N, C-alpha and C. Protein backbone atom coordinates (compact mmCIF):
# COMPACT_ATOMS: atom_id res chain seq x y z
N MET A 1 77.14 52.45 52.92
CA MET A 1 76.64 53.41 51.99
C MET A 1 75.60 52.66 51.26
N GLN A 2 74.64 53.46 50.77
CA GLN A 2 73.49 52.78 50.16
C GLN A 2 73.43 53.20 48.36
N ILE A 3 73.63 51.93 47.79
CA ILE A 3 73.66 52.47 45.94
C ILE A 3 72.32 52.26 45.57
N VAL A 4 71.85 53.33 44.85
CA VAL A 4 70.68 53.47 44.32
C VAL A 4 70.77 53.42 42.86
N LYS A 5 70.08 52.34 42.32
CA LYS A 5 69.93 52.26 40.80
C LYS A 5 68.61 52.07 40.47
N TYR A 6 68.11 52.98 39.50
CA TYR A 6 67.04 53.11 39.04
C TYR A 6 66.92 52.23 37.61
N GLN A 7 65.59 51.45 37.90
CA GLN A 7 65.46 50.66 36.60
C GLN A 7 64.27 51.41 35.98
N PHE A 8 64.53 51.94 34.71
CA PHE A 8 63.34 52.91 33.80
C PHE A 8 62.85 51.90 33.20
N GLN A 9 61.65 52.21 33.18
CA GLN A 9 60.32 51.58 32.21
C GLN A 9 60.94 51.46 30.93
N GLN A 10 60.81 50.16 30.11
CA GLN A 10 61.08 50.20 28.67
C GLN A 10 59.81 49.86 28.00
N HIS A 11 59.86 50.57 26.88
CA HIS A 11 58.53 50.27 25.83
C HIS A 11 59.11 49.76 24.66
N GLY A 12 58.66 48.71 24.23
CA GLY A 12 59.48 47.98 23.16
C GLY A 12 58.32 47.24 22.42
N ASP A 13 58.76 47.02 21.14
CA ASP A 13 57.97 45.97 20.22
C ASP A 13 59.00 45.71 19.14
N ASN A 14 58.52 45.15 18.10
CA ASN A 14 59.27 44.67 17.02
C ASN A 14 60.07 45.75 16.38
N ARG A 15 59.97 46.68 16.83
CA ARG A 15 60.76 48.28 16.13
C ARG A 15 61.97 48.48 17.01
N GLY A 16 61.79 47.87 18.43
CA GLY A 16 63.20 48.18 19.05
C GLY A 16 62.42 48.90 20.51
N GLN A 17 63.34 49.47 21.24
CA GLN A 17 63.16 49.84 22.75
C GLN A 17 63.18 51.34 22.55
N LEU A 18 62.33 51.94 23.67
CA LEU A 18 62.35 53.08 23.98
C LEU A 18 62.31 53.41 25.50
N VAL A 19 63.16 54.27 25.86
CA VAL A 19 63.01 54.65 27.41
C VAL A 19 62.79 56.00 27.44
N SER A 20 61.74 56.57 28.21
CA SER A 20 61.29 57.91 28.38
C SER A 20 61.55 58.44 29.72
N LEU A 21 62.32 59.46 30.04
CA LEU A 21 62.81 59.94 31.37
C LEU A 21 62.21 61.33 31.92
N GLU A 22 61.29 61.35 32.92
CA GLU A 22 60.80 62.57 33.14
C GLU A 22 61.12 62.97 34.65
N GLU A 23 61.73 64.20 34.73
CA GLU A 23 62.04 64.94 35.85
C GLU A 23 61.10 64.94 36.84
N CYS A 24 61.50 64.41 38.06
CA CYS A 24 60.75 64.56 39.52
C CYS A 24 59.59 63.39 39.30
N VAL A 25 59.49 62.79 38.07
CA VAL A 25 58.93 61.46 38.08
C VAL A 25 59.73 60.16 38.20
N ASP A 26 60.56 59.89 36.96
CA ASP A 26 61.62 59.09 36.83
C ASP A 26 63.05 59.33 37.49
N ILE A 27 63.22 60.63 37.55
CA ILE A 27 64.38 61.15 38.14
C ILE A 27 64.06 62.10 39.16
N PRO A 28 64.96 62.00 40.51
CA PRO A 28 64.28 62.64 41.77
C PRO A 28 64.68 64.03 41.67
N PHE A 29 64.77 64.58 40.74
CA PHE A 29 65.28 65.82 40.75
C PHE A 29 64.84 66.56 39.41
N LYS A 30 64.53 67.73 39.45
CA LYS A 30 64.66 68.82 38.25
C LYS A 30 65.98 68.58 37.49
N ILE A 31 65.75 68.15 36.05
CA ILE A 31 67.13 68.23 35.22
C ILE A 31 67.37 69.74 34.75
N LYS A 32 68.48 70.24 35.14
CA LYS A 32 69.13 71.24 34.70
C LYS A 32 70.36 71.13 33.64
N ARG A 33 70.75 70.11 33.51
CA ARG A 33 72.00 69.84 32.70
C ARG A 33 72.15 68.52 32.27
N VAL A 34 72.29 68.19 31.08
CA VAL A 34 72.36 66.78 30.35
C VAL A 34 73.77 66.83 29.80
N TYR A 35 74.91 65.89 29.80
CA TYR A 35 75.92 65.57 29.15
C TYR A 35 76.37 64.29 29.05
N TYR A 36 77.01 63.86 28.10
CA TYR A 36 77.75 62.40 28.06
C TYR A 36 78.95 62.44 27.61
N MET A 37 79.62 61.64 27.69
CA MET A 37 81.10 61.01 27.41
C MET A 37 81.04 59.87 26.23
N TYR A 38 82.08 59.74 25.44
CA TYR A 38 82.10 58.71 24.49
C TYR A 38 83.59 59.02 24.10
N ASP A 39 83.77 57.89 23.04
CA ASP A 39 85.37 57.73 22.58
C ASP A 39 86.37 57.62 23.62
N THR A 40 85.97 57.32 24.77
CA THR A 40 86.80 57.47 25.85
C THR A 40 88.08 56.51 25.76
N ALA A 41 89.07 56.80 25.60
CA ALA A 41 90.47 55.97 25.14
C ALA A 41 90.40 54.82 26.28
N GLY A 42 91.06 53.65 25.76
CA GLY A 42 91.23 52.68 26.85
C GLY A 42 92.28 53.08 27.69
N GLY A 43 92.07 52.28 28.99
CA GLY A 43 92.75 53.16 30.20
C GLY A 43 92.62 54.15 30.82
N VAL A 44 91.68 55.03 30.21
CA VAL A 44 91.64 56.36 30.84
C VAL A 44 90.41 56.18 32.02
N SER A 45 90.62 57.11 32.91
CA SER A 45 89.46 57.19 34.16
C SER A 45 89.20 58.64 34.13
N ARG A 46 87.96 58.77 34.19
CA ARG A 46 87.38 60.16 34.41
C ARG A 46 86.67 60.47 35.78
N GLY A 47 86.18 61.70 35.77
CA GLY A 47 85.70 62.22 37.23
C GLY A 47 86.47 62.57 38.28
N PHE A 48 86.97 62.08 39.24
CA PHE A 48 87.87 62.37 40.40
C PHE A 48 87.47 63.61 40.91
N HIS A 49 86.21 63.52 41.30
CA HIS A 49 85.65 64.73 41.96
C HIS A 49 84.40 64.42 42.77
N ALA A 50 83.99 65.55 43.69
CA ALA A 50 82.65 65.32 44.44
C ALA A 50 81.90 66.61 44.10
N HIS A 51 80.75 66.73 44.43
CA HIS A 51 80.02 67.95 44.13
C HIS A 51 79.34 68.46 45.77
N LYS A 52 79.31 69.86 45.90
CA LYS A 52 78.94 69.84 47.27
C LYS A 52 77.27 69.96 47.18
N THR A 53 76.46 70.27 46.53
CA THR A 53 75.12 70.27 46.17
C THR A 53 74.42 69.53 44.99
N LEU A 54 75.31 69.19 43.77
CA LEU A 54 74.84 68.76 42.65
C LEU A 54 74.43 67.49 42.83
N GLU A 55 73.15 66.79 42.25
CA GLU A 55 72.91 65.58 42.23
C GLU A 55 73.07 64.92 40.80
N GLN A 56 73.16 63.82 40.61
CA GLN A 56 73.40 63.02 39.27
C GLN A 56 72.53 61.79 39.08
N ILE A 57 72.27 61.71 37.87
CA ILE A 57 72.08 59.99 37.51
C ILE A 57 72.83 59.90 36.33
N LEU A 58 73.77 58.73 36.45
CA LEU A 58 74.52 58.27 35.34
C LEU A 58 73.84 56.94 34.68
N ILE A 59 73.96 57.28 33.27
CA ILE A 59 73.02 55.97 32.63
C ILE A 59 74.29 55.65 31.42
N CYS A 60 74.65 54.53 31.49
CA CYS A 60 75.41 54.17 30.21
C CYS A 60 74.66 53.60 29.24
N ILE A 61 74.21 54.46 28.40
CA ILE A 61 73.30 54.28 27.33
C ILE A 61 73.97 53.46 26.12
N HIS A 62 75.09 53.14 26.27
CA HIS A 62 75.73 52.10 25.30
C HIS A 62 77.06 51.71 25.81
N GLY A 63 77.36 50.42 25.86
CA GLY A 63 78.65 49.88 26.20
C GLY A 63 78.73 49.59 27.62
N SER A 64 79.58 49.73 28.47
CA SER A 64 79.71 49.43 29.67
C SER A 64 80.86 50.36 30.27
N CYS A 65 80.73 50.55 31.75
CA CYS A 65 81.80 51.09 32.54
C CYS A 65 81.63 50.93 33.87
N LYS A 66 82.50 51.44 34.88
CA LYS A 66 82.41 50.99 36.06
C LYS A 66 82.62 52.31 36.97
N ILE A 67 82.10 52.55 37.93
CA ILE A 67 81.86 53.87 38.75
C ILE A 67 82.25 53.23 40.02
N LEU A 68 83.06 54.09 40.65
CA LEU A 68 83.71 54.14 42.14
C LEU A 68 82.94 55.09 42.78
N LEU A 69 82.11 54.87 43.88
CA LEU A 69 81.68 55.69 44.55
C LEU A 69 82.16 55.84 46.12
N ASP A 70 82.35 56.64 46.58
CA ASP A 70 83.37 56.80 48.01
C ASP A 70 82.60 58.07 48.67
N ASN A 71 82.06 57.88 49.72
CA ASN A 71 81.62 58.70 50.73
C ASN A 71 82.42 59.21 51.91
N GLY A 72 83.55 58.74 51.76
CA GLY A 72 84.65 59.37 52.66
C GLY A 72 84.94 57.89 53.60
N ALA A 73 83.97 57.36 53.80
CA ALA A 73 83.95 56.35 54.76
C ALA A 73 84.14 54.74 54.19
N GLU A 74 83.40 54.58 53.24
CA GLU A 74 83.25 53.57 52.33
C GLU A 74 83.35 53.82 50.82
N LYS A 75 83.79 52.74 50.09
CA LYS A 75 83.94 52.82 48.76
C LYS A 75 83.25 51.25 48.24
N LYS A 76 82.41 52.09 46.91
CA LYS A 76 81.82 50.79 46.24
C LYS A 76 81.96 51.11 44.78
N VAL A 77 82.06 49.85 44.03
CA VAL A 77 82.19 49.88 42.55
C VAL A 77 80.85 49.56 41.96
N VAL A 78 80.46 50.12 41.20
CA VAL A 78 78.96 50.16 40.42
C VAL A 78 79.25 49.65 38.95
N TYR A 79 78.83 48.65 38.44
CA TYR A 79 79.12 48.22 37.01
C TYR A 79 77.64 48.75 36.41
N LEU A 80 77.72 49.49 35.26
CA LEU A 80 76.68 49.68 34.36
C LEU A 80 76.75 49.56 33.16
N GLU A 81 75.99 48.72 32.45
CA GLU A 81 75.81 48.07 31.20
C GLU A 81 74.53 48.11 30.77
N LYS A 82 73.58 48.42 31.39
CA LYS A 82 72.13 48.66 30.86
C LYS A 82 71.72 50.02 30.62
N PRO A 83 71.13 50.30 29.17
CA PRO A 83 70.62 51.68 28.94
C PRO A 83 69.31 51.93 29.52
N TYR A 84 68.77 50.97 30.42
CA TYR A 84 67.53 51.26 31.14
C TYR A 84 67.91 51.42 32.52
N GLU A 85 69.18 51.46 32.81
CA GLU A 85 69.39 51.57 34.20
C GLU A 85 70.28 52.80 34.64
N GLY A 86 69.91 53.42 35.86
CA GLY A 86 70.61 54.65 36.12
C GLY A 86 70.98 54.72 37.46
N LEU A 87 72.43 55.03 37.64
CA LEU A 87 72.92 55.12 39.13
C LEU A 87 72.67 56.80 39.56
N TYR A 88 72.29 56.55 40.82
CA TYR A 88 72.18 57.82 41.51
C TYR A 88 73.23 58.33 42.26
N VAL A 89 73.78 59.44 41.98
CA VAL A 89 75.03 59.99 42.82
C VAL A 89 74.38 61.26 43.28
N PRO A 90 74.55 60.97 44.77
CA PRO A 90 74.26 62.03 45.56
C PRO A 90 75.28 63.17 45.73
N ASN A 91 74.98 64.35 46.30
CA ASN A 91 75.96 65.38 46.67
C ASN A 91 77.00 64.51 47.77
N ASN A 92 77.99 65.37 47.84
CA ASN A 92 78.90 65.00 49.01
C ASN A 92 79.49 63.34 48.65
N MET A 93 79.70 62.84 47.37
CA MET A 93 80.00 61.87 46.97
C MET A 93 81.02 61.62 45.96
N TRP A 94 82.20 61.10 46.31
CA TRP A 94 83.39 61.23 45.44
C TRP A 94 83.21 60.25 44.27
N ARG A 95 83.70 60.50 43.07
CA ARG A 95 83.11 59.59 42.04
C ARG A 95 84.28 59.41 41.11
N GLU A 96 84.43 58.26 40.52
CA GLU A 96 85.58 57.95 39.38
C GLU A 96 85.05 57.01 38.52
N MET A 97 85.09 57.34 37.29
CA MET A 97 84.47 56.36 36.31
C MET A 97 85.46 55.69 35.24
N TYR A 98 85.68 54.60 35.16
CA TYR A 98 86.74 53.79 34.43
C TYR A 98 86.18 52.68 34.01
N ASP A 99 87.34 51.74 33.25
CA ASP A 99 86.82 50.75 32.47
C ASP A 99 85.87 51.02 31.64
N PHE A 100 86.02 51.84 30.69
CA PHE A 100 85.07 52.24 29.88
C PHE A 100 85.21 51.01 28.73
N SER A 101 84.17 50.53 28.16
CA SER A 101 84.29 49.67 27.02
C SER A 101 84.42 50.46 25.61
N GLU A 102 85.14 50.19 24.77
CA GLU A 102 85.39 50.95 23.49
C GLU A 102 84.02 51.62 23.08
N ASP A 103 83.01 51.06 23.33
CA ASP A 103 81.80 51.76 22.57
C ASP A 103 80.84 52.08 23.71
N ALA A 104 81.41 52.57 24.97
CA ALA A 104 80.71 53.17 26.12
C ALA A 104 80.15 54.70 25.66
N VAL A 105 79.11 54.74 26.15
CA VAL A 105 78.45 56.43 26.13
C VAL A 105 78.04 56.59 27.18
N LEU A 106 78.38 57.26 28.19
CA LEU A 106 77.86 57.60 29.80
C LEU A 106 77.23 58.94 29.63
N MET A 107 75.68 58.83 30.14
CA MET A 107 75.24 59.97 30.16
C MET A 107 75.01 60.30 31.54
N CYS A 108 75.01 61.67 31.55
CA CYS A 108 74.66 62.08 32.85
C CYS A 108 73.40 63.34 32.82
N LEU A 109 72.30 63.11 33.96
CA LEU A 109 71.36 64.03 34.07
C LEU A 109 71.83 64.68 35.38
N ALA A 110 72.12 65.94 35.37
CA ALA A 110 72.34 66.59 36.55
C ALA A 110 71.25 67.77 37.20
N SER A 111 71.16 67.68 38.45
CA SER A 111 70.32 68.63 39.16
C SER A 111 70.63 70.34 38.92
N GLU A 112 71.99 70.48 38.58
CA GLU A 112 72.28 72.02 38.64
C GLU A 112 73.08 72.24 37.25
N VAL A 113 73.10 73.56 36.83
CA VAL A 113 73.78 73.87 35.63
C VAL A 113 75.20 73.90 36.22
N TYR A 114 76.28 73.76 35.11
CA TYR A 114 77.73 73.88 35.55
C TYR A 114 78.00 75.03 36.35
N ASN A 115 78.73 74.69 37.36
CA ASN A 115 79.14 75.71 38.23
C ASN A 115 80.58 74.94 39.12
N GLU A 116 81.56 75.97 38.59
CA GLU A 116 82.97 75.11 39.17
C GLU A 116 83.06 75.32 40.52
N SER A 117 82.49 76.46 41.08
CA SER A 117 82.37 76.39 42.64
C SER A 117 81.71 75.22 43.20
N ASP A 118 80.94 74.56 42.84
CA ASP A 118 80.31 73.26 43.24
C ASP A 118 81.29 71.94 43.44
N TYR A 119 82.36 72.01 42.52
CA TYR A 119 83.10 71.00 42.48
C TYR A 119 84.22 71.08 43.73
N ILE A 120 84.47 69.72 44.16
CA ILE A 120 85.45 69.40 44.86
C ILE A 120 86.60 68.55 44.13
N ARG A 121 87.53 68.97 43.73
CA ARG A 121 88.52 68.22 42.81
C ARG A 121 89.74 67.51 43.65
N ASN A 122 89.86 67.88 44.83
CA ASN A 122 91.06 67.37 45.37
C ASN A 122 90.43 66.55 46.80
N TYR A 123 90.89 65.13 46.61
CA TYR A 123 90.11 64.17 47.63
C TYR A 123 90.50 64.62 48.90
N GLU A 124 91.63 65.20 49.34
CA GLU A 124 91.96 65.60 50.65
C GLU A 124 91.11 66.76 51.22
N GLU A 125 90.80 67.76 50.08
CA GLU A 125 89.89 68.55 50.26
C GLU A 125 88.07 68.03 50.58
N PHE A 126 88.02 66.94 49.89
CA PHE A 126 86.77 66.37 49.93
C PHE A 126 86.51 65.86 51.27
N LEU A 127 87.58 65.14 51.94
CA LEU A 127 87.57 64.38 53.11
C LEU A 127 87.13 65.63 54.15
N MET A 128 88.15 66.70 54.00
CA MET A 128 87.81 67.82 54.90
C MET A 128 86.63 68.53 55.00
N PHE A 129 85.81 68.60 53.61
CA PHE A 129 84.52 69.02 53.21
C PHE A 129 83.56 68.06 54.22
N LEU A 130 83.70 67.07 54.19
CA LEU A 130 82.89 66.14 54.70
C LEU A 130 82.76 66.27 56.27
N GLU A 131 84.17 66.59 57.13
CA GLU A 131 84.11 66.64 58.26
C GLU A 131 83.52 68.04 58.59
N GLU A 132 83.75 68.95 57.83
CA GLU A 132 82.99 70.60 58.21
C GLU A 132 81.51 70.16 58.22
N GLN A 133 81.03 69.27 57.24
CA GLN A 133 79.58 69.20 57.13
C GLN A 133 79.15 68.43 58.20
N GLU A 134 79.97 67.38 58.75
CA GLU A 134 79.54 66.68 60.03
C GLU A 134 79.54 67.43 61.42
N LYS A 135 80.18 68.63 61.43
CA LYS A 135 80.46 69.48 62.63
C LYS A 135 79.36 70.29 62.44
N LYS A 136 78.76 70.68 61.47
CA LYS A 136 77.42 71.61 61.29
C LYS A 136 75.95 70.88 61.48
N ALA A 137 76.04 69.44 61.33
CA ALA A 137 75.07 68.68 61.30
C ALA A 137 74.73 68.30 62.88
């Protein structure tokens, strides 16, 4: 499994830092939805799903967290702690977000608007979906 992290260009001076993101330039898709998580209670994990078509970039714009990525054959944990770094999460990838710092703000840039039918929320169903996709290929 290849992990893709984007290092976004930072613009800064004595006033502070600025990161500007443009769809199809800095982000590899058109952005149709933006959301973020914050005030996540200690010990809480989030995610536990995959998407059939949606792609995402996850950016921990404040604090830190860990992301478990699972493609059905391999699992990797990615640590996010830099507000200028984004983790690409392709479709057909199970994800779990956990170990949020007290001050963590995790932002998600998504390639599609919310669509419940795109979610796979059961891990066994996720594995079966991957098998079906492999048979079609």
